[in-house]
Amino acid sequence: MSNGVIAHTLVAQGYANFWRPPAPVDFVPLPEANALLNDLADHPHAFVLACLVDRQDSAERAWTLPYRLGERAGSWQFADLAALSQNMVMQHLTQPDALHRFPAVMAQVVYRGLQRIAQHYEGQANRIWEGSCGGLPAGGSR
């Protein structure tokens, strides 16, 4: 098989995979957290926050952090989370137990991430990838 045939086959498979209906991803063994992370239409910021904190700790703990933050803050809605002060984000990430191995550093990352989404993407985290990925719509679905 020539390199051209192999390349064509791989590209065709990639397009087929891209355009098939999205399937939920199990990021962590907590169904509620997975539901939040997979909800790119209403809660894309949860996915973005998990991406931001997925370092220097277990992936399970990092990808659960947006769900736990919402529990502690009383809401998973972007506007409610973005309205939290930096001190409140720090408190939610550190008490009663730390949500990350480095909660003080990640509290700054989460706070700045929320503020950047608010200021640069009009509170809509899905605008980060809007227009990329071969035309993936803003809602995150095909």
N, C-alpha and C. Protein backbone atom coordinates (compact mmCIF):
# COMPACT_ATOMS: atom_id res chain seq x y z
N MET A 1 0.86 -1.17 0.00
CA MET A 1 0.00 0.00 0.00
C MET A 1 0.90 1.23 0.00
N SER A 2 0.61 2.19 -0.87
CA SER A 2 1.44 3.39 -0.98
C SER A 2 1.13 4.38 0.15
N ASN A 3 2.07 5.30 0.35
CA ASN A 3 1.88 6.34 1.37
C ASN A 3 0.64 7.18 1.08
N GLY A 4 0.38 7.46 -0.19
CA GLY A 4 -0.80 8.24 -0.57
C GLY A 4 -2.09 7.54 -0.20
N VAL A 5 -2.16 6.24 -0.42
CA VAL A 5 -3.36 5.47 -0.08
C VAL A 5 -3.53 5.44 1.44
N ILE A 6 -2.44 5.25 2.16
CA ILE A 6 -2.51 5.24 3.62
C ILE A 6 -2.99 6.60 4.14
N ALA A 7 -2.41 7.66 3.61
CA ALA A 7 -2.80 9.01 4.05
C ALA A 7 -4.27 9.27 3.75
N HIS A 8 -4.72 8.91 2.55
CA HIS A 8 -6.12 9.10 2.18
C HIS A 8 -7.04 8.31 3.12
N THR A 9 -6.68 7.09 3.42
CA THR A 9 -7.48 6.24 4.32
C THR A 9 -7.57 6.86 5.71
N LEU A 10 -6.44 7.34 6.24
CA LEU A 10 -6.43 7.96 7.57
C LEU A 10 -7.25 9.24 7.61
N VAL A 11 -7.13 10.06 6.58
CA VAL A 11 -7.91 11.30 6.53
C VAL A 11 -9.40 10.98 6.44
N ALA A 12 -9.77 10.02 5.61
CA ALA A 12 -11.18 9.63 5.48
C ALA A 12 -11.72 9.12 6.81
N GLN A 13 -10.93 8.31 7.51
CA GLN A 13 -11.36 7.81 8.82
C GLN A 13 -11.51 8.95 9.83
N GLY A 14 -10.58 9.91 9.77
CA GLY A 14 -10.67 11.07 10.66
C GLY A 14 -11.95 11.87 10.44
N TYR A 15 -12.29 12.11 9.17
CA TYR A 15 -13.53 12.83 8.88
C TYR A 15 -14.75 12.03 9.31
N ALA A 16 -14.73 10.74 9.10
CA ALA A 16 -15.85 9.89 9.53
C ALA A 16 -16.03 9.97 11.04
N ASN A 17 -14.93 9.92 11.78
CA ASN A 17 -15.01 10.02 13.23
C ASN A 17 -15.47 11.40 13.68
N PHE A 18 -15.00 12.44 13.00
CA PHE A 18 -15.36 13.80 13.37
C PHE A 18 -16.86 14.04 13.20
N TRP A 19 -17.43 13.55 12.14
CA TRP A 19 -18.82 13.85 11.84
C TRP A 19 -19.82 12.88 12.44
N ARG A 20 -19.37 11.83 13.09
CA ARG A 20 -20.34 10.94 13.75
C ARG A 20 -20.89 11.66 14.98
N PRO A 21 -22.07 11.27 15.43
CA PRO A 21 -22.66 11.94 16.60
C PRO A 21 -21.73 11.82 17.81
N PRO A 22 -21.59 12.91 18.56
CA PRO A 22 -20.71 12.85 19.72
C PRO A 22 -21.25 11.89 20.77
N ALA A 23 -20.35 11.20 21.41
CA ALA A 23 -20.70 10.29 22.49
C ALA A 23 -20.14 10.86 23.78
N PRO A 24 -20.88 10.74 24.87
CA PRO A 24 -20.36 11.24 26.15
C PRO A 24 -19.06 10.54 26.52
N VAL A 25 -18.19 11.28 27.17
CA VAL A 25 -16.91 10.76 27.62
C VAL A 25 -16.98 10.60 29.14
N ASP A 26 -16.52 9.46 29.62
CA ASP A 26 -16.41 9.27 31.06
C ASP A 26 -15.02 9.70 31.49
N PHE A 27 -14.92 10.92 32.02
CA PHE A 27 -13.65 11.46 32.46
C PHE A 27 -13.27 10.91 33.83
N VAL A 28 -14.28 10.76 34.69
CA VAL A 28 -14.07 10.36 36.08
C VAL A 28 -15.15 9.36 36.48
N PRO A 29 -14.98 8.65 37.59
CA PRO A 29 -16.00 7.69 38.01
C PRO A 29 -17.20 8.32 38.74
N LEU A 30 -17.46 9.59 38.51
CA LEU A 30 -18.59 10.29 39.12
C LEU A 30 -19.54 10.73 38.00
N PRO A 31 -20.67 10.06 37.83
CA PRO A 31 -21.57 10.37 36.70
C PRO A 31 -22.00 11.83 36.63
N GLU A 32 -22.23 12.47 37.78
CA GLU A 32 -22.66 13.87 37.77
C GLU A 32 -21.56 14.79 37.22
N ALA A 33 -20.33 14.50 37.58
CA ALA A 33 -19.21 15.29 37.06
C ALA A 33 -19.06 15.08 35.55
N ASN A 34 -19.22 13.84 35.10
CA ASN A 34 -19.15 13.56 33.66
C ASN A 34 -20.25 14.27 32.90
N ALA A 35 -21.44 14.30 33.46
CA ALA A 35 -22.56 14.99 32.80
C ALA A 35 -22.24 16.48 32.64
N LEU A 36 -21.67 17.08 33.67
CA LEU A 36 -21.30 18.50 33.61
C LEU A 36 -20.21 18.73 32.56
N LEU A 37 -19.18 17.90 32.57
CA LEU A 37 -18.06 18.06 31.65
C LEU A 37 -18.47 17.84 30.19
N ASN A 38 -19.45 16.98 29.97
CA ASN A 38 -19.92 16.68 28.62
C ASN A 38 -20.96 17.67 28.11
N ASP A 39 -21.44 18.55 28.97
CA ASP A 39 -22.47 19.51 28.60
C ASP A 39 -21.83 20.76 27.99
N LEU A 40 -21.33 20.62 26.77
CA LEU A 40 -20.65 21.74 26.10
C LEU A 40 -21.62 22.82 25.64
N ALA A 41 -22.89 22.50 25.56
CA ALA A 41 -23.87 23.50 25.14
C ALA A 41 -24.17 24.49 26.26
N ASP A 42 -24.31 24.01 27.49
CA ASP A 42 -24.70 24.87 28.61
C ASP A 42 -23.59 25.15 29.61
N HIS A 43 -22.59 24.27 29.69
CA HIS A 43 -21.53 24.44 30.69
C HIS A 43 -20.13 24.20 30.08
N PRO A 44 -19.81 24.84 28.97
CA PRO A 44 -18.49 24.60 28.37
C PRO A 44 -17.34 25.05 29.28
N HIS A 45 -17.62 25.98 30.16
CA HIS A 45 -16.59 26.46 31.09
C HIS A 45 -16.11 25.35 32.02
N ALA A 46 -16.97 24.36 32.33
CA ALA A 46 -16.54 23.25 33.19
C ALA A 46 -15.43 22.47 32.50
N PHE A 47 -15.60 22.19 31.23
CA PHE A 47 -14.58 21.48 30.46
C PHE A 47 -13.29 22.30 30.40
N VAL A 48 -13.41 23.60 30.15
CA VAL A 48 -12.23 24.47 30.06
C VAL A 48 -11.50 24.52 31.40
N LEU A 49 -12.24 24.66 32.49
CA LEU A 49 -11.61 24.71 33.81
C LEU A 49 -10.88 23.40 34.11
N ALA A 50 -11.48 22.28 33.75
CA ALA A 50 -10.82 20.99 33.98
C ALA A 50 -9.53 20.91 33.18
N CYS A 51 -9.55 21.40 31.95
CA CYS A 51 -8.32 21.42 31.15
C CYS A 51 -7.25 22.27 31.83
N LEU A 52 -7.65 23.40 32.39
CA LEU A 52 -6.68 24.31 33.01
C LEU A 52 -6.02 23.72 34.25
N VAL A 53 -6.77 22.94 35.02
CA VAL A 53 -6.22 22.42 36.29
C VAL A 53 -5.67 21.01 36.17
N ASP A 54 -5.70 20.44 34.97
CA ASP A 54 -5.21 19.07 34.79
C ASP A 54 -3.69 19.06 34.68
N ARG A 55 -3.06 19.33 35.81
CA ARG A 55 -1.60 19.28 35.89
C ARG A 55 -1.19 19.12 37.35
N GLN A 56 -0.14 18.39 37.54
CA GLN A 56 0.48 18.17 38.84
C GLN A 56 -0.48 17.58 39.87
N ASP A 57 -1.46 16.85 39.40
CA ASP A 57 -2.37 16.10 40.26
C ASP A 57 -2.97 15.00 39.41
N SER A 58 -3.71 14.10 40.03
CA SER A 58 -4.31 13.03 39.23
C SER A 58 -5.36 13.61 38.30
N ALA A 59 -5.51 13.01 37.15
CA ALA A 59 -6.52 13.46 36.19
C ALA A 59 -7.90 13.36 36.81
N GLU A 60 -8.17 12.31 37.55
CA GLU A 60 -9.48 12.16 38.18
C GLU A 60 -9.80 13.34 39.09
N ARG A 61 -8.85 13.74 39.88
CA ARG A 61 -9.08 14.86 40.80
C ARG A 61 -9.25 16.17 40.02
N ALA A 62 -8.42 16.38 39.02
CA ALA A 62 -8.51 17.60 38.23
C ALA A 62 -9.84 17.69 37.48
N TRP A 63 -10.28 16.60 36.88
CA TRP A 63 -11.49 16.64 36.07
C TRP A 63 -12.76 16.62 36.94
N THR A 64 -12.61 16.34 38.22
CA THR A 64 -13.73 16.44 39.15
C THR A 64 -13.83 17.84 39.74
N LEU A 65 -12.76 18.61 39.68
CA LEU A 65 -12.71 19.93 40.31
C LEU A 65 -13.85 20.87 39.89
N PRO A 66 -14.18 21.01 38.61
CA PRO A 66 -15.28 21.92 38.26
C PRO A 66 -16.61 21.51 38.90
N TYR A 67 -16.86 20.23 38.99
CA TYR A 67 -18.11 19.77 39.63
C TYR A 67 -18.10 20.12 41.11
N ARG A 68 -16.99 19.83 41.79
CA ARG A 68 -16.89 20.11 43.23
C ARG A 68 -16.94 21.62 43.50
N LEU A 69 -16.31 22.40 42.64
CA LEU A 69 -16.37 23.85 42.79
C LEU A 69 -17.81 24.33 42.71
N GLY A 70 -18.55 23.83 41.73
CA GLY A 70 -19.96 24.20 41.60
C GLY A 70 -20.79 23.79 42.80
N GLU A 71 -20.50 22.61 43.34
CA GLU A 71 -21.19 22.17 44.56
C GLU A 71 -20.95 23.17 45.69
N ARG A 72 -19.71 23.52 45.88
CA ARG A 72 -19.35 24.41 46.99
C ARG A 72 -19.85 25.83 46.76
N ALA A 73 -19.87 26.27 45.52
CA ALA A 73 -20.32 27.63 45.20
C ALA A 73 -21.85 27.71 45.14
N GLY A 74 -22.51 26.56 45.03
CA GLY A 74 -23.96 26.54 44.97
C GLY A 74 -24.52 26.68 43.57
N SER A 75 -23.65 26.64 42.55
CA SER A 75 -24.10 26.78 41.17
C SER A 75 -22.99 26.36 40.21
N TRP A 76 -23.41 25.82 39.08
CA TRP A 76 -22.47 25.51 38.01
C TRP A 76 -22.60 26.52 36.87
N GLN A 77 -23.49 27.49 37.02
CA GLN A 77 -23.70 28.49 35.98
C GLN A 77 -22.49 29.41 35.88
N PHE A 78 -22.10 29.71 34.65
CA PHE A 78 -20.91 30.53 34.45
C PHE A 78 -21.01 31.87 35.18
N ALA A 79 -22.11 32.57 35.04
CA ALA A 79 -22.23 33.90 35.64
C ALA A 79 -22.02 33.85 37.15
N ASP A 80 -22.53 32.82 37.78
CA ASP A 80 -22.37 32.69 39.23
C ASP A 80 -20.90 32.42 39.60
N LEU A 81 -20.25 31.57 38.85
CA LEU A 81 -18.84 31.26 39.13
C LEU A 81 -17.95 32.46 38.83
N ALA A 82 -18.21 33.15 37.74
CA ALA A 82 -17.40 34.31 37.37
C ALA A 82 -17.58 35.46 38.36
N ALA A 83 -18.69 35.49 39.06
CA ALA A 83 -18.94 36.54 40.05
C ALA A 83 -18.20 36.30 41.37
N LEU A 84 -17.64 35.12 41.53
CA LEU A 84 -16.89 34.83 42.76
C LEU A 84 -15.62 35.67 42.81
N SER A 85 -15.31 36.16 43.99
CA SER A 85 -14.06 36.88 44.17
C SER A 85 -12.91 35.87 44.16
N GLN A 86 -11.71 36.38 43.98
CA GLN A 86 -10.54 35.50 44.01
C GLN A 86 -10.44 34.81 45.38
N ASN A 87 -10.79 35.52 46.44
CA ASN A 87 -10.76 34.92 47.77
C ASN A 87 -11.79 33.81 47.92
N MET A 88 -12.96 34.00 47.32
CA MET A 88 -13.99 32.96 47.40
C MET A 88 -13.57 31.71 46.62
N VAL A 89 -12.98 31.90 45.45
CA VAL A 89 -12.48 30.75 44.69
C VAL A 89 -11.44 30.01 45.51
N MET A 90 -10.54 30.76 46.15
CA MET A 90 -9.51 30.15 47.01
C MET A 90 -10.17 29.36 48.13
N GLN A 91 -11.15 29.95 48.77
CA GLN A 91 -11.83 29.26 49.86
C GLN A 91 -12.50 27.98 49.37
N HIS A 92 -13.18 28.04 48.25
CA HIS A 92 -13.87 26.86 47.72
C HIS A 92 -12.88 25.76 47.32
N LEU A 93 -11.71 26.13 46.86
CA LEU A 93 -10.73 25.12 46.45
C LEU A 93 -9.94 24.55 47.62
N THR A 94 -9.97 25.23 48.77
CA THR A 94 -9.16 24.76 49.89
C THR A 94 -9.97 24.19 51.05
N GLN A 95 -11.22 24.57 51.21
CA GLN A 95 -11.98 24.16 52.39
C GLN A 95 -13.29 23.49 52.00
N PRO A 96 -13.74 22.48 52.65
CA PRO A 96 -13.16 21.88 53.85
C PRO A 96 -11.94 20.99 53.55
N ASP A 97 -11.80 20.54 52.33
CA ASP A 97 -10.60 19.80 51.94
C ASP A 97 -10.18 20.32 50.57
N ALA A 98 -8.91 20.18 50.27
CA ALA A 98 -8.37 20.71 49.02
C ALA A 98 -8.91 19.94 47.81
N LEU A 99 -9.28 20.68 46.77
CA LEU A 99 -9.77 20.06 45.54
C LEU A 99 -8.64 19.75 44.56
N HIS A 100 -7.44 20.15 44.89
CA HIS A 100 -6.28 19.93 44.02
C HIS A 100 -5.05 19.80 44.91
N ARG A 101 -4.04 19.19 44.40
CA ARG A 101 -2.78 19.04 45.13
C ARG A 101 -2.18 20.41 45.45
N PHE A 102 -2.37 21.38 44.57
CA PHE A 102 -1.88 22.74 44.76
C PHE A 102 -3.07 23.70 44.71
N PRO A 103 -3.89 23.71 45.75
CA PRO A 103 -5.13 24.49 45.68
C PRO A 103 -4.92 25.99 45.55
N ALA A 104 -3.90 26.56 46.17
CA ALA A 104 -3.70 28.01 46.08
C ALA A 104 -3.34 28.42 44.65
N VAL A 105 -2.45 27.67 44.03
CA VAL A 105 -2.06 27.97 42.66
C VAL A 105 -3.24 27.76 41.71
N MET A 106 -3.96 26.66 41.88
CA MET A 106 -5.08 26.37 40.98
C MET A 106 -6.25 27.31 41.21
N ALA A 107 -6.39 27.85 42.43
CA ALA A 107 -7.43 28.84 42.67
C ALA A 107 -7.17 30.08 41.80
N GLN A 108 -5.90 30.47 41.68
CA GLN A 108 -5.56 31.61 40.81
C GLN A 108 -5.83 31.26 39.35
N VAL A 109 -5.49 30.04 38.96
CA VAL A 109 -5.71 29.59 37.58
C VAL A 109 -7.21 29.60 37.27
N VAL A 110 -8.01 29.05 38.17
CA VAL A 110 -9.47 29.00 37.97
C VAL A 110 -10.04 30.41 37.92
N TYR A 111 -9.66 31.26 38.86
CA TYR A 111 -10.18 32.63 38.88
C TYR A 111 -9.82 33.37 37.59
N ARG A 112 -8.56 33.30 37.20
CA ARG A 112 -8.13 33.99 35.98
C ARG A 112 -8.81 33.39 34.74
N GLY A 113 -8.99 32.08 34.74
CA GLY A 113 -9.69 31.44 33.61
C GLY A 113 -11.12 31.93 33.49
N LEU A 114 -11.81 32.01 34.62
CA LEU A 114 -13.19 32.51 34.61
C LEU A 114 -13.24 33.96 34.14
N GLN A 115 -12.31 34.77 34.62
CA GLN A 115 -12.30 36.17 34.22
C GLN A 115 -11.96 36.33 32.75
N ARG A 116 -11.06 35.52 32.25
CA ARG A 116 -10.70 35.59 30.82
C ARG A 116 -11.90 35.19 29.95
N ILE A 117 -12.60 34.15 30.35
CA ILE A 117 -13.80 33.74 29.60
C ILE A 117 -14.82 34.87 29.62
N ALA A 118 -14.98 35.52 30.76
CA ALA A 118 -15.94 36.62 30.87
C ALA A 118 -15.54 37.80 29.99
N GLN A 119 -14.27 38.15 30.01
CA GLN A 119 -13.81 39.36 29.32
C GLN A 119 -13.56 39.16 27.83
N HIS A 120 -12.99 38.02 27.46
CA HIS A 120 -12.59 37.83 26.06
C HIS A 120 -13.59 37.01 25.24
N TYR A 121 -14.46 36.27 25.91
CA TYR A 121 -15.39 35.40 25.19
C TYR A 121 -16.84 35.65 25.60
N GLU A 122 -17.08 36.83 26.17
CA GLU A 122 -18.43 37.24 26.55
C GLU A 122 -19.13 36.20 27.41
N GLY A 123 -18.37 35.54 28.29
CA GLY A 123 -18.94 34.56 29.20
C GLY A 123 -19.28 33.23 28.57
N GLN A 124 -18.87 33.03 27.33
CA GLN A 124 -19.22 31.80 26.60
C GLN A 124 -17.93 31.06 26.25
N ALA A 125 -17.55 30.11 27.09
CA ALA A 125 -16.29 29.39 26.90
C ALA A 125 -16.24 28.66 25.57
N ASN A 126 -17.39 28.27 25.02
CA ASN A 126 -17.36 27.56 23.74
C ASN A 126 -16.89 28.46 22.59
N ARG A 127 -16.82 29.74 22.81
CA ARG A 127 -16.29 30.64 21.78
C ARG A 127 -14.77 30.48 21.63
N ILE A 128 -14.14 29.83 22.60
CA ILE A 128 -12.70 29.59 22.50
C ILE A 128 -12.41 28.75 21.27
N TRP A 129 -13.24 27.75 21.01
CA TRP A 129 -13.00 26.86 19.88
C TRP A 129 -13.93 27.15 18.70
N GLU A 130 -14.73 28.18 18.79
CA GLU A 130 -15.62 28.54 17.69
C GLU A 130 -14.81 28.84 16.44
N GLY A 131 -15.23 28.26 15.33
CA GLY A 131 -14.56 28.49 14.06
C GLY A 131 -13.35 27.61 13.83
N SER A 132 -13.02 26.77 14.78
CA SER A 132 -11.90 25.84 14.59
C SER A 132 -12.47 24.44 14.41
N CYS A 133 -11.64 23.47 14.33
CA CYS A 133 -12.06 22.06 14.23
C CYS A 133 -12.94 21.82 13.00
N GLY A 134 -12.62 22.43 11.90
CA GLY A 134 -13.38 22.18 10.68
C GLY A 134 -14.78 22.73 10.74
N GLY A 135 -15.00 23.77 11.51
CA GLY A 135 -16.30 24.42 11.53
C GLY A 135 -17.23 23.94 12.63
N LEU A 136 -16.70 23.43 13.74
CA LEU A 136 -17.54 23.02 14.86
C LEU A 136 -18.33 24.23 15.34
N PRO A 137 -19.64 24.13 15.41
CA PRO A 137 -20.46 25.27 15.82
C PRO A 137 -20.19 25.68 17.27
N ALA A 138 -20.60 26.88 17.61
CA ALA A 138 -20.36 27.42 18.95
C ALA A 138 -20.94 26.55 20.05
N GLY A 139 -22.04 25.87 19.81
CA GLY A 139 -22.66 25.04 20.83
C GLY A 139 -21.88 23.77 21.14
N GLY A 140 -20.90 23.47 20.34
CA GLY A 140 -20.06 22.32 20.60
C GLY A 140 -20.58 21.02 20.01
N SER A 141 -21.72 21.04 19.34
CA SER A 141 -22.25 19.82 18.75
C SER A 141 -22.23 19.93 17.24
N ARG A 142 -22.32 18.78 16.59
CA ARG A 142 -22.25 18.77 15.13
C ARG A 142 -23.62 18.69 14.52
